[in-house]
Amino acid sequence: MAERRRFKKRTCRYCEKKVTFIDYKDIELIKHSLSERYKIMPRRLTGNCKKHQEMVEEAIKRARHAALVPYIVDRKRVIPNPFEELKPIYK
């Protein structure tokens, strides 16, 4: 029988920064919760707490609706760093 791997407990980066609200226009803040194909990464991979994961999901969905983040990326169009294409609108 194979041994289970034990991973270290990740801490929520939003709790460390004491973030109270995650804005959908702040792409730099939410890009850590997106995969290379712009899928929302789960809590067990990002280490977010439940409260902040829900805020991140809502912000990503709003950013998709506002066309700041694409919904999907083709398999043929996958690039190493997809956030190079995104230009910060608000600074």
Protein backbone atom coordinates (compact mmCIF):
# COMPACT_ATOMS: atom_id res chain seq x y z
CA MET A 1 0.00 0.00 0.00
CA ALA A 2 1.36 3.40 -0.99
CA GLU A 3 2.11 6.01 1.64
CA ARG A 4 0.13 9.19 1.67
CA ARG A 5 2.09 12.32 1.04
CA ARG A 6 1.91 14.90 3.76
CA PHE A 7 1.87 18.44 2.56
CA LYS A 8 2.53 21.44 4.72
CA LYS A 9 -0.44 23.54 5.69
CA ARG A 10 -0.59 26.63 3.53
CA THR A 11 -1.65 29.92 5.00
CA CYS A 12 -4.13 32.30 3.48
CA ARG A 13 -2.25 35.12 1.77
CA TYR A 14 -5.24 37.42 2.11
CA CYS A 15 -5.37 36.89 5.90
CA GLU A 16 -1.65 37.68 6.11
CA LYS A 17 -2.19 40.95 4.23
CA LYS A 18 -5.36 41.65 6.28
CA VAL A 19 -7.51 42.09 3.17
CA THR A 20 -11.15 42.84 3.96
CA PHE A 21 -12.47 43.11 0.39
CA ILE A 22 -11.20 41.69 -2.90
CA ASP A 23 -12.02 43.96 -5.83
CA TYR A 24 -12.68 42.43 -9.23
CA LYS A 25 -10.71 45.21 -10.93
CA ASP A 26 -7.51 44.29 -9.07
CA ILE A 27 -6.19 41.58 -11.41
CA GLU A 28 -2.82 41.42 -9.63
CA LEU A 29 -4.53 40.34 -6.42
CA ILE A 30 -6.74 37.61 -7.92
CA LYS A 31 -4.34 36.18 -10.50
CA HIS A 32 -2.75 33.90 -7.87
CA SER A 33 -6.03 32.02 -7.65
CA LEU A 34 -6.23 31.33 -11.39
CA SER A 35 -4.53 28.50 -13.27
CA GLU A 36 -2.71 28.89 -16.59
CA ARG A 37 -6.03 28.24 -18.34
CA TYR A 38 -7.84 30.80 -16.19
CA LYS A 39 -9.65 28.22 -14.09
CA ILE A 40 -10.34 29.02 -10.44
CA MET A 41 -7.94 27.03 -8.29
CA PRO A 42 -9.35 25.21 -5.25
CA ARG A 43 -8.62 26.08 -1.62
CA ARG A 44 -6.45 23.04 -1.05
CA LEU A 45 -3.99 24.28 -3.68
CA THR A 46 -4.01 28.00 -2.92
CA GLY A 47 -4.32 27.74 0.85
CA ASN A 48 -7.03 30.37 1.06
CA CYS A 49 -9.45 30.34 3.97
CA LYS A 50 -13.15 29.80 3.25
CA LYS A 51 -14.09 33.47 3.61
CA HIS A 52 -11.41 34.71 1.23
CA GLN A 53 -11.91 31.88 -1.26
CA GLU A 54 -15.56 32.90 -1.61
CA MET A 55 -14.50 36.53 -2.13
CA VAL A 56 -11.95 35.44 -4.75
CA GLU A 57 -14.51 33.34 -6.62
CA GLU A 58 -16.99 36.20 -6.70
CA ALA A 59 -14.30 38.68 -7.84
CA ILE A 60 -13.13 36.34 -10.62
CA LYS A 61 -16.68 35.79 -11.84
CA ARG A 62 -17.29 39.54 -11.89
CA ALA A 63 -13.99 40.14 -13.71
CA ARG A 64 -14.98 37.55 -16.31
CA HIS A 65 -18.33 39.23 -16.80
CA ALA A 66 -16.60 42.61 -17.22
CA ALA A 67 -14.19 41.00 -19.75
CA LEU A 68 -11.11 41.68 -17.62
CA VAL A 69 -10.33 37.93 -17.44
CA PRO A 70 -11.29 35.45 -20.20
CA TYR A 71 -13.71 32.62 -19.50
CA ILE A 72 -11.69 29.92 -21.31
CA VAL A 73 -8.42 29.48 -23.17
CA ASP A 74 -7.93 27.11 -26.10
CA ARG A 75 -5.59 24.17 -25.73
CA LYS A 76 -3.64 25.41 -28.72
CA ARG A 77 -3.34 28.93 -27.30
CA VAL A 78 -1.92 28.10 -23.86
CA ILE A 79 1.08 30.30 -23.09
CA PRO A 80 3.56 30.14 -20.19
CA ASN A 81 2.40 33.36 -18.52
CA PRO A 82 -1.17 34.29 -19.50
CA PHE A 83 -1.14 37.45 -17.43
CA GLU A 84 1.27 39.14 -19.79
CA GLU A 85 -1.68 39.66 -22.13
CA LEU A 86 -3.77 41.36 -19.46
CA LYS A 87 -3.03 45.03 -19.20
CA PRO A 88 -3.78 46.71 -15.89
CA ILE A 89 -6.68 49.06 -16.52
CA TYR A 90 -6.85 50.71 -13.13
CA LYS A 91 -3.75 51.80 -11.28
